mmCIF file of all heavy atoms, coordinates in Angstrom:
data_MODEL
# 
_entry.id   MODEL 
# 
loop_
_atom_site.group_PDB 
_atom_site.id 
_atom_site.type_symbol 
_atom_site.label_atom_id 
_atom_site.label_alt_id 
_atom_site.label_comp_id 
_atom_site.label_asym_id 
_atom_site.label_entity_id 
_atom_site.label_seq_id 
_atom_site.pdbx_PDB_ins_code 
_atom_site.Cartn_x 
_atom_site.Cartn_y 
_atom_site.Cartn_z 
_atom_site.occupancy 
_atom_site.B_iso_or_equiv 
_atom_site.pdbx_formal_charge 
_atom_site.auth_seq_id 
_atom_site.auth_comp_id 
_atom_site.auth_asym_id 
_atom_site.auth_atom_id 
_atom_site.pdbx_PDB_model_num 
ATOM 1   N N   . VAL A 1 1  ? 116.541 103.902 133.641 1.00 0.00 ? 1  VAL A N   1 
ATOM 2   C CA  . VAL A 1 1  ? 116.470 104.344 132.253 1.00 0.00 ? 1  VAL A CA  1 
ATOM 3   C C   . VAL A 1 1  ? 115.577 105.571 132.107 1.00 0.00 ? 1  VAL A C   1 
ATOM 4   O O   . VAL A 1 1  ? 115.946 106.533 131.445 1.00 0.00 ? 1  VAL A O   1 
ATOM 5   C CB  . VAL A 1 1  ? 115.948 103.203 131.367 1.00 0.00 ? 1  VAL A CB  1 
ATOM 6   C CG1 . VAL A 1 1  ? 115.711 103.681 129.942 1.00 0.00 ? 1  VAL A CG1 1 
ATOM 7   C CG2 . VAL A 1 1  ? 116.913 102.027 131.381 1.00 0.00 ? 1  VAL A CG2 1 
ATOM 8   N N   . ALA A 1 2  ? 114.377 105.502 132.700 1.00 0.00 ? 2  ALA A N   1 
ATOM 9   C CA  . ALA A 1 2  ? 113.407 106.584 132.510 1.00 0.00 ? 2  ALA A CA  1 
ATOM 10  C C   . ALA A 1 2  ? 112.434 106.628 133.669 1.00 0.00 ? 2  ALA A C   1 
ATOM 11  O O   . ALA A 1 2  ? 112.136 105.597 134.280 1.00 0.00 ? 2  ALA A O   1 
ATOM 12  C CB  . ALA A 1 2  ? 112.643 106.397 131.204 1.00 0.00 ? 2  ALA A CB  1 
ATOM 13  N N   . THR A 1 3  ? 111.937 107.831 133.946 1.00 0.00 ? 3  THR A N   1 
ATOM 14  C CA  . THR A 1 3  ? 110.999 108.074 135.047 1.00 0.00 ? 3  THR A CA  1 
ATOM 15  C C   . THR A 1 3  ? 109.866 108.950 134.541 1.00 0.00 ? 3  THR A C   1 
ATOM 16  O O   . THR A 1 3  ? 110.098 109.872 133.747 1.00 0.00 ? 3  THR A O   1 
ATOM 17  C CB  . THR A 1 3  ? 111.700 108.787 136.210 1.00 0.00 ? 3  THR A CB  1 
ATOM 18  O OG1 . THR A 1 3  ? 112.821 108.012 136.641 1.00 0.00 ? 3  THR A OG1 1 
ATOM 19  C CG2 . THR A 1 3  ? 110.756 109.002 137.384 1.00 0.00 ? 3  THR A CG2 1 
ATOM 20  N N   . ILE A 1 4  ? 108.648 108.669 135.018 1.00 0.00 ? 4  ILE A N   1 
ATOM 21  C CA  . ILE A 1 4  ? 107.506 109.517 134.694 1.00 0.00 ? 4  ILE A CA  1 
ATOM 22  C C   . ILE A 1 4  ? 106.706 109.772 135.962 1.00 0.00 ? 4  ILE A C   1 
ATOM 23  O O   . ILE A 1 4  ? 106.508 108.860 136.779 1.00 0.00 ? 4  ILE A O   1 
ATOM 24  C CB  . ILE A 1 4  ? 106.640 108.895 133.581 1.00 0.00 ? 4  ILE A CB  1 
ATOM 25  C CG1 . ILE A 1 4  ? 105.565 109.876 133.110 1.00 0.00 ? 4  ILE A CG1 1 
ATOM 26  C CG2 . ILE A 1 4  ? 106.042 107.553 134.012 1.00 0.00 ? 4  ILE A CG2 1 
ATOM 27  C CD1 . ILE A 1 4  ? 104.903 109.457 131.797 1.00 0.00 ? 4  ILE A CD1 1 
ATOM 28  N N   . SER A 1 5  ? 106.271 111.005 136.132 1.00 0.00 ? 5  SER A N   1 
ATOM 29  C CA  . SER A 1 5  ? 105.497 111.362 137.324 1.00 0.00 ? 5  SER A CA  1 
ATOM 30  C C   . SER A 1 5  ? 104.130 110.697 137.294 1.00 0.00 ? 5  SER A C   1 
ATOM 31  O O   . SER A 1 5  ? 103.702 110.140 136.275 1.00 0.00 ? 5  SER A O   1 
ATOM 32  C CB  . SER A 1 5  ? 105.352 112.876 137.395 1.00 0.00 ? 5  SER A CB  1 
ATOM 33  O OG  . SER A 1 5  ? 104.620 113.340 136.276 1.00 0.00 ? 5  SER A OG  1 
ATOM 34  N N   . SER A 1 6  ? 103.425 110.799 138.403 1.00 0.00 ? 6  SER A N   1 
ATOM 35  C CA  . SER A 1 6  ? 102.136 110.114 138.520 1.00 0.00 ? 6  SER A CA  1 
ATOM 36  C C   . SER A 1 6  ? 101.114 110.621 137.497 1.00 0.00 ? 6  SER A C   1 
ATOM 37  O O   . SER A 1 6  ? 100.296 109.853 136.996 1.00 0.00 ? 6  SER A O   1 
ATOM 38  C CB  . SER A 1 6  ? 101.578 110.266 139.929 1.00 0.00 ? 6  SER A CB  1 
ATOM 39  O OG  . SER A 1 6  ? 101.439 111.629 140.263 1.00 0.00 ? 6  SER A OG  1 
ATOM 40  N N   . THR A 1 7  ? 101.188 111.908 137.188 1.00 0.00 ? 7  THR A N   1 
ATOM 41  C CA  . THR A 1 7  ? 100.241 112.478 136.216 1.00 0.00 ? 7  THR A CA  1 
ATOM 42  C C   . THR A 1 7  ? 100.740 112.365 134.781 1.00 0.00 ? 7  THR A C   1 
ATOM 43  O O   . THR A 1 7  ? 99.986  112.610 133.843 1.00 0.00 ? 7  THR A O   1 
ATOM 44  C CB  . THR A 1 7  ? 100.008 113.959 136.514 1.00 0.00 ? 7  THR A CB  1 
ATOM 45  O OG1 . THR A 1 7  ? 101.249 114.649 136.350 1.00 0.00 ? 7  THR A OG1 1 
ATOM 46  C CG2 . THR A 1 7  ? 99.467  114.162 137.917 1.00 0.00 ? 7  THR A CG2 1 
ATOM 47  N N   . GLY A 1 8  ? 102.002 112.040 134.629 1.00 0.00 ? 8  GLY A N   1 
ATOM 48  C CA  . GLY A 1 8  ? 102.595 111.996 133.292 1.00 0.00 ? 8  GLY A CA  1 
ATOM 49  C C   . GLY A 1 8  ? 103.141 113.328 132.831 1.00 0.00 ? 8  GLY A C   1 
ATOM 50  O O   . GLY A 1 8  ? 103.672 113.435 131.726 1.00 0.00 ? 8  GLY A O   1 
ATOM 51  N N   . GLY A 1 9  ? 103.055 114.322 133.686 1.00 0.00 ? 9  GLY A N   1 
ATOM 52  C CA  . GLY A 1 9  ? 103.465 115.657 133.286 1.00 0.00 ? 9  GLY A CA  1 
ATOM 53  C C   . GLY A 1 9  ? 104.961 115.911 133.323 1.00 0.00 ? 9  GLY A C   1 
ATOM 54  O O   . GLY A 1 9  ? 105.438 116.920 132.790 1.00 0.00 ? 9  GLY A O   1 
ATOM 55  N N   . SER A 1 10 ? 105.701 115.006 133.932 1.00 0.00 ? 10 SER A N   1 
ATOM 56  C CA  . SER A 1 10 ? 107.143 115.176 134.055 1.00 0.00 ? 10 SER A CA  1 
ATOM 57  C C   . SER A 1 10 ? 107.849 113.868 133.750 1.00 0.00 ? 10 SER A C   1 
ATOM 58  O O   . SER A 1 10 ? 107.425 112.807 134.223 1.00 0.00 ? 10 SER A O   1 
ATOM 59  C CB  . SER A 1 10 ? 107.487 115.633 135.472 1.00 0.00 ? 10 SER A CB  1 
ATOM 60  O OG  . SER A 1 10 ? 108.878 115.746 135.649 1.00 0.00 ? 10 SER A OG  1 
ATOM 61  N N   . THR A 1 11 ? 108.902 113.950 132.956 1.00 0.00 ? 11 THR A N   1 
ATOM 62  C CA  . THR A 1 11 ? 109.679 112.771 132.612 1.00 0.00 ? 11 THR A CA  1 
ATOM 63  C C   . THR A 1 11 ? 111.167 113.075 132.758 1.00 0.00 ? 11 THR A C   1 
ATOM 64  O O   . THR A 1 11 ? 111.599 114.231 132.723 1.00 0.00 ? 11 THR A O   1 
ATOM 65  C CB  . THR A 1 11 ? 109.407 112.304 131.167 1.00 0.00 ? 11 THR A CB  1 
ATOM 66  O OG1 . THR A 1 11 ? 109.730 113.374 130.264 1.00 0.00 ? 11 THR A OG1 1 
ATOM 67  C CG2 . THR A 1 11 ? 107.955 111.906 130.979 1.00 0.00 ? 11 THR A CG2 1 
ATOM 68  N N   . ASP A 1 12 ? 111.934 112.000 132.895 1.00 0.00 ? 12 ASP A N   1 
ATOM 69  C CA  . ASP A 1 12 ? 113.381 112.145 132.998 1.00 0.00 ? 12 ASP A CA  1 
ATOM 70  C C   . ASP A 1 12 ? 114.020 110.910 132.412 1.00 0.00 ? 12 ASP A C   1 
ATOM 71  O O   . ASP A 1 12 ? 113.438 109.816 132.473 1.00 0.00 ? 12 ASP A O   1 
ATOM 72  C CB  . ASP A 1 12 ? 113.811 112.318 134.450 1.00 0.00 ? 12 ASP A CB  1 
ATOM 73  C CG  . ASP A 1 12 ? 115.249 112.802 134.577 1.00 0.00 ? 12 ASP A CG  1 
ATOM 74  O OD1 . ASP A 1 12 ? 115.722 113.494 133.644 1.00 0.00 ? 12 ASP A OD1 1 
ATOM 75  O OD2 . ASP A 1 12 ? 115.902 112.491 135.580 1.00 0.00 ? 12 ASP A OD2 1 
ATOM 76  N N   . TYR A 1 13 ? 115.221 111.072 131.843 1.00 0.00 ? 13 TYR A N   1 
ATOM 77  C CA  . TYR A 1 13 ? 115.879 109.975 131.145 1.00 0.00 ? 13 TYR A CA  1 
ATOM 78  C C   . TYR A 1 13 ? 117.357 109.898 131.489 1.00 0.00 ? 13 TYR A C   1 
ATOM 79  O O   . TYR A 1 13 ? 117.997 110.928 131.758 1.00 0.00 ? 13 TYR A O   1 
ATOM 80  C CB  . TYR A 1 13 ? 115.743 110.169 129.630 1.00 0.00 ? 13 TYR A CB  1 
ATOM 81  C CG  . TYR A 1 13 ? 114.324 110.186 129.140 1.00 0.00 ? 13 TYR A CG  1 
ATOM 82  C CD1 . TYR A 1 13 ? 113.624 111.379 129.022 1.00 0.00 ? 13 TYR A CD1 1 
ATOM 83  C CD2 . TYR A 1 13 ? 113.672 108.999 128.801 1.00 0.00 ? 13 TYR A CD2 1 
ATOM 84  C CE1 . TYR A 1 13 ? 112.311 111.402 128.594 1.00 0.00 ? 13 TYR A CE1 1 
ATOM 85  C CE2 . TYR A 1 13 ? 112.365 109.009 128.363 1.00 0.00 ? 13 TYR A CE2 1 
ATOM 86  C CZ  . TYR A 1 13 ? 111.683 110.212 128.267 1.00 0.00 ? 13 TYR A CZ  1 
ATOM 87  O OH  . TYR A 1 13 ? 110.378 110.222 127.836 1.00 0.00 ? 13 TYR A OH  1 
ATOM 88  N N   . ALA A 1 14 ? 117.887 108.705 131.429 1.00 0.00 ? 14 ALA A N   1 
ATOM 89  C CA  . ALA A 1 14 ? 119.327 108.536 131.491 1.00 0.00 ? 14 ALA A CA  1 
ATOM 90  C C   . ALA A 1 14 ? 119.945 109.150 130.243 1.00 0.00 ? 14 ALA A C   1 
ATOM 91  O O   . ALA A 1 14 ? 119.343 109.121 129.162 1.00 0.00 ? 14 ALA A O   1 
ATOM 92  C CB  . ALA A 1 14 ? 119.678 107.060 131.584 1.00 0.00 ? 14 ALA A CB  1 
ATOM 93  N N   . ASP A 1 15 ? 121.145 109.679 130.395 1.00 0.00 ? 15 ASP A N   1 
ATOM 94  C CA  . ASP A 1 15 ? 121.810 110.293 129.249 1.00 0.00 ? 15 ASP A CA  1 
ATOM 95  C C   . ASP A 1 15 ? 121.973 109.317 128.092 1.00 0.00 ? 15 ASP A C   1 
ATOM 96  O O   . ASP A 1 15 ? 121.916 109.701 126.921 1.00 0.00 ? 15 ASP A O   1 
ATOM 97  C CB  . ASP A 1 15 ? 123.184 110.825 129.668 1.00 0.00 ? 15 ASP A CB  1 
ATOM 98  C CG  . ASP A 1 15 ? 123.090 112.075 130.525 1.00 0.00 ? 15 ASP A CG  1 
ATOM 99  O OD1 . ASP A 1 15 ? 122.020 112.727 130.528 1.00 0.00 ? 15 ASP A OD1 1 
ATOM 100 O OD2 . ASP A 1 15 ? 124.092 112.408 131.181 1.00 0.00 ? 15 ASP A OD2 1 
ATOM 101 N N   . SER A 1 16 ? 122.149 108.050 128.415 1.00 0.00 ? 16 SER A N   1 
ATOM 102 C CA  . SER A 1 16 ? 122.413 107.038 127.386 1.00 0.00 ? 16 SER A CA  1 
ATOM 103 C C   . SER A 1 16 ? 121.220 106.783 126.471 1.00 0.00 ? 16 SER A C   1 
ATOM 104 O O   . SER A 1 16 ? 121.380 106.230 125.380 1.00 0.00 ? 16 SER A O   1 
ATOM 105 C CB  . SER A 1 16 ? 122.844 105.732 128.036 1.00 0.00 ? 16 SER A CB  1 
ATOM 106 O OG  . SER A 1 16 ? 121.851 105.266 128.932 1.00 0.00 ? 16 SER A OG  1 
ATOM 107 N N   . VAL A 1 17 ? 120.015 107.186 126.899 1.00 0.00 ? 17 VAL A N   1 
ATOM 108 C CA  . VAL A 1 17 ? 118.824 106.923 126.082 1.00 0.00 ? 17 VAL A CA  1 
ATOM 109 C C   . VAL A 1 17 ? 118.089 108.200 125.693 1.00 0.00 ? 17 VAL A C   1 
ATOM 110 O O   . VAL A 1 17 ? 117.114 108.151 124.932 1.00 0.00 ? 17 VAL A O   1 
ATOM 111 C CB  . VAL A 1 17 ? 117.843 105.974 126.812 1.00 0.00 ? 17 VAL A CB  1 
ATOM 112 C CG1 . VAL A 1 17 ? 118.548 104.702 127.246 1.00 0.00 ? 17 VAL A CG1 1 
ATOM 113 C CG2 . VAL A 1 17 ? 117.162 106.663 127.981 1.00 0.00 ? 17 VAL A CG2 1 
ATOM 114 N N   . LYS A 1 18 ? 118.549 109.341 126.174 1.00 0.00 ? 18 LYS A N   1 
ATOM 115 C CA  . LYS A 1 18 ? 117.874 110.606 125.914 1.00 0.00 ? 18 LYS A CA  1 
ATOM 116 C C   . LYS A 1 18 ? 117.798 110.858 124.415 1.00 0.00 ? 18 LYS A C   1 
ATOM 117 O O   . LYS A 1 18 ? 118.788 110.708 123.692 1.00 0.00 ? 18 LYS A O   1 
ATOM 118 C CB  . LYS A 1 18 ? 118.624 111.736 126.618 1.00 0.00 ? 18 LYS A CB  1 
ATOM 119 C CG  . LYS A 1 18 ? 117.786 112.936 126.959 1.00 0.00 ? 18 LYS A CG  1 
ATOM 120 C CD  . LYS A 1 18 ? 118.541 113.867 127.900 1.00 0.00 ? 18 LYS A CD  1 
ATOM 121 C CE  . LYS A 1 18 ? 118.644 113.312 129.293 1.00 0.00 ? 18 LYS A CE  1 
ATOM 122 N NZ  . LYS A 1 18 ? 119.256 114.259 130.254 1.00 0.00 ? 18 LYS A NZ  1 
ATOM 123 N N   . GLY A 1 19 ? 116.613 111.222 123.943 1.00 0.00 ? 19 GLY A N   1 
ATOM 124 C CA  . GLY A 1 19 ? 116.410 111.472 122.524 1.00 0.00 ? 19 GLY A CA  1 
ATOM 125 C C   . GLY A 1 19 ? 116.037 110.234 121.729 1.00 0.00 ? 19 GLY A C   1 
ATOM 126 O O   . GLY A 1 19 ? 115.625 110.339 120.572 1.00 0.00 ? 19 GLY A O   1 
ATOM 127 N N   . ARG A 1 20 ? 116.179 109.056 122.331 1.00 0.00 ? 20 ARG A N   1 
ATOM 128 C CA  . ARG A 1 20 ? 115.829 107.801 121.637 1.00 0.00 ? 20 ARG A CA  1 
ATOM 129 C C   . ARG A 1 20 ? 114.651 107.087 122.289 1.00 0.00 ? 20 ARG A C   1 
ATOM 130 O O   . ARG A 1 20 ? 113.870 106.423 121.599 1.00 0.00 ? 20 ARG A O   1 
ATOM 131 C CB  . ARG A 1 20 ? 117.040 106.862 121.626 1.00 0.00 ? 20 ARG A CB  1 
ATOM 132 C CG  . ARG A 1 20 ? 118.260 107.420 120.927 1.00 0.00 ? 20 ARG A CG  1 
ATOM 133 C CD  . ARG A 1 20 ? 119.346 106.355 120.777 1.00 0.00 ? 20 ARG A CD  1 
ATOM 134 N NE  . ARG A 1 20 ? 119.838 105.871 122.057 1.00 0.00 ? 20 ARG A NE  1 
ATOM 135 C CZ  . ARG A 1 20 ? 119.804 104.587 122.430 1.00 0.00 ? 20 ARG A CZ  1 
ATOM 136 N NH1 . ARG A 1 20 ? 119.302 103.668 121.626 1.00 0.00 ? 20 ARG A NH1 1 
ATOM 137 N NH2 . ARG A 1 20 ? 120.286 104.215 123.616 1.00 0.00 ? 20 ARG A NH2 1 
ATOM 138 N N   . PHE A 1 21 ? 114.542 107.191 123.607 1.00 0.00 ? 21 PHE A N   1 
ATOM 139 C CA  . PHE A 1 21 ? 113.480 106.507 124.347 1.00 0.00 ? 21 PHE A CA  1 
ATOM 140 C C   . PHE A 1 21 ? 112.451 107.524 124.823 1.00 0.00 ? 21 PHE A C   1 
ATOM 141 O O   . PHE A 1 21 ? 112.783 108.668 125.152 1.00 0.00 ? 21 PHE A O   1 
ATOM 142 C CB  . PHE A 1 21 ? 114.047 105.790 125.567 1.00 0.00 ? 21 PHE A CB  1 
ATOM 143 C CG  . PHE A 1 21 ? 114.891 104.574 125.273 1.00 0.00 ? 21 PHE A CG  1 
ATOM 144 C CD1 . PHE A 1 21 ? 115.341 104.276 123.995 1.00 0.00 ? 21 PHE A CD1 1 
ATOM 145 C CD2 . PHE A 1 21 ? 115.242 103.707 126.297 1.00 0.00 ? 21 PHE A CD2 1 
ATOM 146 C CE1 . PHE A 1 21 ? 116.113 103.155 123.732 1.00 0.00 ? 21 PHE A CE1 1 
ATOM 147 C CE2 . PHE A 1 21 ? 116.014 102.578 126.064 1.00 0.00 ? 21 PHE A CE2 1 
ATOM 148 C CZ  . PHE A 1 21 ? 116.458 102.305 124.775 1.00 0.00 ? 21 PHE A CZ  1 
ATOM 149 N N   . THR A 1 22 ? 111.203 107.077 124.904 1.00 0.00 ? 22 THR A N   1 
ATOM 150 C CA  . THR A 1 22 ? 110.126 107.911 125.430 1.00 0.00 ? 22 THR A CA  1 
ATOM 151 C C   . THR A 1 22 ? 109.285 107.102 126.407 1.00 0.00 ? 22 THR A C   1 
ATOM 152 O O   . THR A 1 22 ? 108.762 106.038 126.043 1.00 0.00 ? 22 THR A O   1 
ATOM 153 C CB  . THR A 1 22 ? 109.221 108.425 124.301 1.00 0.00 ? 22 THR A CB  1 
ATOM 154 O OG1 . THR A 1 22 ? 109.999 109.160 123.355 1.00 0.00 ? 22 THR A OG1 1 
ATOM 155 C CG2 . THR A 1 22 ? 108.136 109.339 124.863 1.00 0.00 ? 22 THR A CG2 1 
ATOM 156 N N   . ILE A 1 23 ? 109.155 107.615 127.617 1.00 0.00 ? 23 ILE A N   1 
ATOM 157 C CA  . ILE A 1 23 ? 108.306 106.980 128.615 1.00 0.00 ? 23 ILE A CA  1 
ATOM 158 C C   . ILE A 1 23 ? 106.954 107.671 128.619 1.00 0.00 ? 23 ILE A C   1 
ATOM 159 O O   . ILE A 1 23 ? 106.869 108.898 128.447 1.00 0.00 ? 23 ILE A O   1 
ATOM 160 C CB  . ILE A 1 23 ? 108.960 107.015 130.016 1.00 0.00 ? 23 ILE A CB  1 
ATOM 161 C CG1 . ILE A 1 23 ? 108.173 106.166 131.009 1.00 0.00 ? 23 ILE A CG1 1 
ATOM 162 C CG2 . ILE A 1 23 ? 109.143 108.447 130.513 1.00 0.00 ? 23 ILE A CG2 1 
ATOM 163 C CD1 . ILE A 1 23 ? 108.882 105.979 132.355 1.00 0.00 ? 23 ILE A CD1 1 
ATOM 164 N N   . SER A 1 24 ? 105.907 106.890 128.782 1.00 0.00 ? 24 SER A N   1 
ATOM 165 C CA  . SER A 1 24 ? 104.561 107.455 128.838 1.00 0.00 ? 24 SER A CA  1 
ATOM 166 C C   . SER A 1 24 ? 103.701 106.558 129.722 1.00 0.00 ? 24 SER A C   1 
ATOM 167 O O   . SER A 1 24 ? 104.134 105.487 130.144 1.00 0.00 ? 24 SER A O   1 
ATOM 168 C CB  . SER A 1 24 ? 103.954 107.575 127.436 1.00 0.00 ? 24 SER A CB  1 
ATOM 169 O OG  . SER A 1 24 ? 103.858 106.312 126.821 1.00 0.00 ? 24 SER A OG  1 
ATOM 170 N N   . ARG A 1 25 ? 102.492 107.028 129.984 1.00 0.00 ? 25 ARG A N   1 
ATOM 171 C CA  . ARG A 1 25 ? 101.577 106.227 130.798 1.00 0.00 ? 25 ARG A CA  1 
ATOM 172 C C   . ARG A 1 25 ? 100.146 106.554 130.431 1.00 0.00 ? 25 ARG A C   1 
ATOM 173 O O   . ARG A 1 25 ? 99.845  107.659 129.970 1.00 0.00 ? 25 ARG A O   1 
ATOM 174 C CB  . ARG A 1 25 ? 101.811 106.477 132.290 1.00 0.00 ? 25 ARG A CB  1 
ATOM 175 C CG  . ARG A 1 25 ? 101.493 107.889 132.759 1.00 0.00 ? 25 ARG A CG  1 
ATOM 176 C CD  . ARG A 1 25 ? 101.992 108.126 134.181 1.00 0.00 ? 25 ARG A CD  1 
ATOM 177 N NE  . ARG A 1 25 ? 101.321 107.244 135.148 1.00 0.00 ? 25 ARG A NE  1 
ATOM 178 C CZ  . ARG A 1 25 ? 101.825 106.956 136.353 1.00 0.00 ? 25 ARG A CZ  1 
ATOM 179 N NH1 . ARG A 1 25 ? 102.995 107.473 136.729 1.00 0.00 ? 25 ARG A NH1 1 
ATOM 180 N NH2 . ARG A 1 25 ? 101.154 106.176 137.182 1.00 0.00 ? 25 ARG A NH2 1 
ATOM 181 N N   . ASP A 1 26 ? 99.273  105.597 130.665 1.00 0.00 ? 26 ASP A N   1 
ATOM 182 C CA  . ASP A 1 26 ? 97.837  105.779 130.480 1.00 0.00 ? 26 ASP A CA  1 
ATOM 183 C C   . ASP A 1 26 ? 97.188  105.376 131.800 1.00 0.00 ? 26 ASP A C   1 
ATOM 184 O O   . ASP A 1 26 ? 97.035  104.176 132.079 1.00 0.00 ? 26 ASP A O   1 
ATOM 185 C CB  . ASP A 1 26 ? 97.336  104.917 129.321 1.00 0.00 ? 26 ASP A CB  1 
ATOM 186 C CG  . ASP A 1 26 ? 95.880  105.161 129.000 1.00 0.00 ? 26 ASP A CG  1 
ATOM 187 O OD1 . ASP A 1 26 ? 95.141  105.623 129.886 1.00 0.00 ? 26 ASP A OD1 1 
ATOM 188 O OD2 . ASP A 1 26 ? 95.468  104.877 127.870 1.00 0.00 ? 26 ASP A OD2 1 
ATOM 189 N N   . ASN A 1 27 ? 96.834  106.354 132.601 1.00 0.00 ? 27 ASN A N   1 
ATOM 190 C CA  . ASN A 1 27 ? 96.294  106.045 133.927 1.00 0.00 ? 27 ASN A CA  1 
ATOM 191 C C   . ASN A 1 27 ? 94.907  105.399 133.848 1.00 0.00 ? 27 ASN A C   1 
ATOM 192 O O   . ASN A 1 27 ? 94.506  104.698 134.768 1.00 0.00 ? 27 ASN A O   1 
ATOM 193 C CB  . ASN A 1 27 ? 96.254  107.298 134.790 1.00 0.00 ? 27 ASN A CB  1 
ATOM 194 C CG  . ASN A 1 27 ? 97.641  107.680 135.298 1.00 0.00 ? 27 ASN A CG  1 
ATOM 195 O OD1 . ASN A 1 27 ? 98.589  106.894 135.214 1.00 0.00 ? 27 ASN A OD1 1 
ATOM 196 N ND2 . ASN A 1 27 ? 97.767  108.890 135.814 1.00 0.00 ? 27 ASN A ND2 1 
# 
């Protein structure tokens, strides 16, 4: 569904959820 880099600086989404879902992280 979604991917986030180790620093949080890069994200990627499946087309089916793009614009609706947001991935984030708090290291």
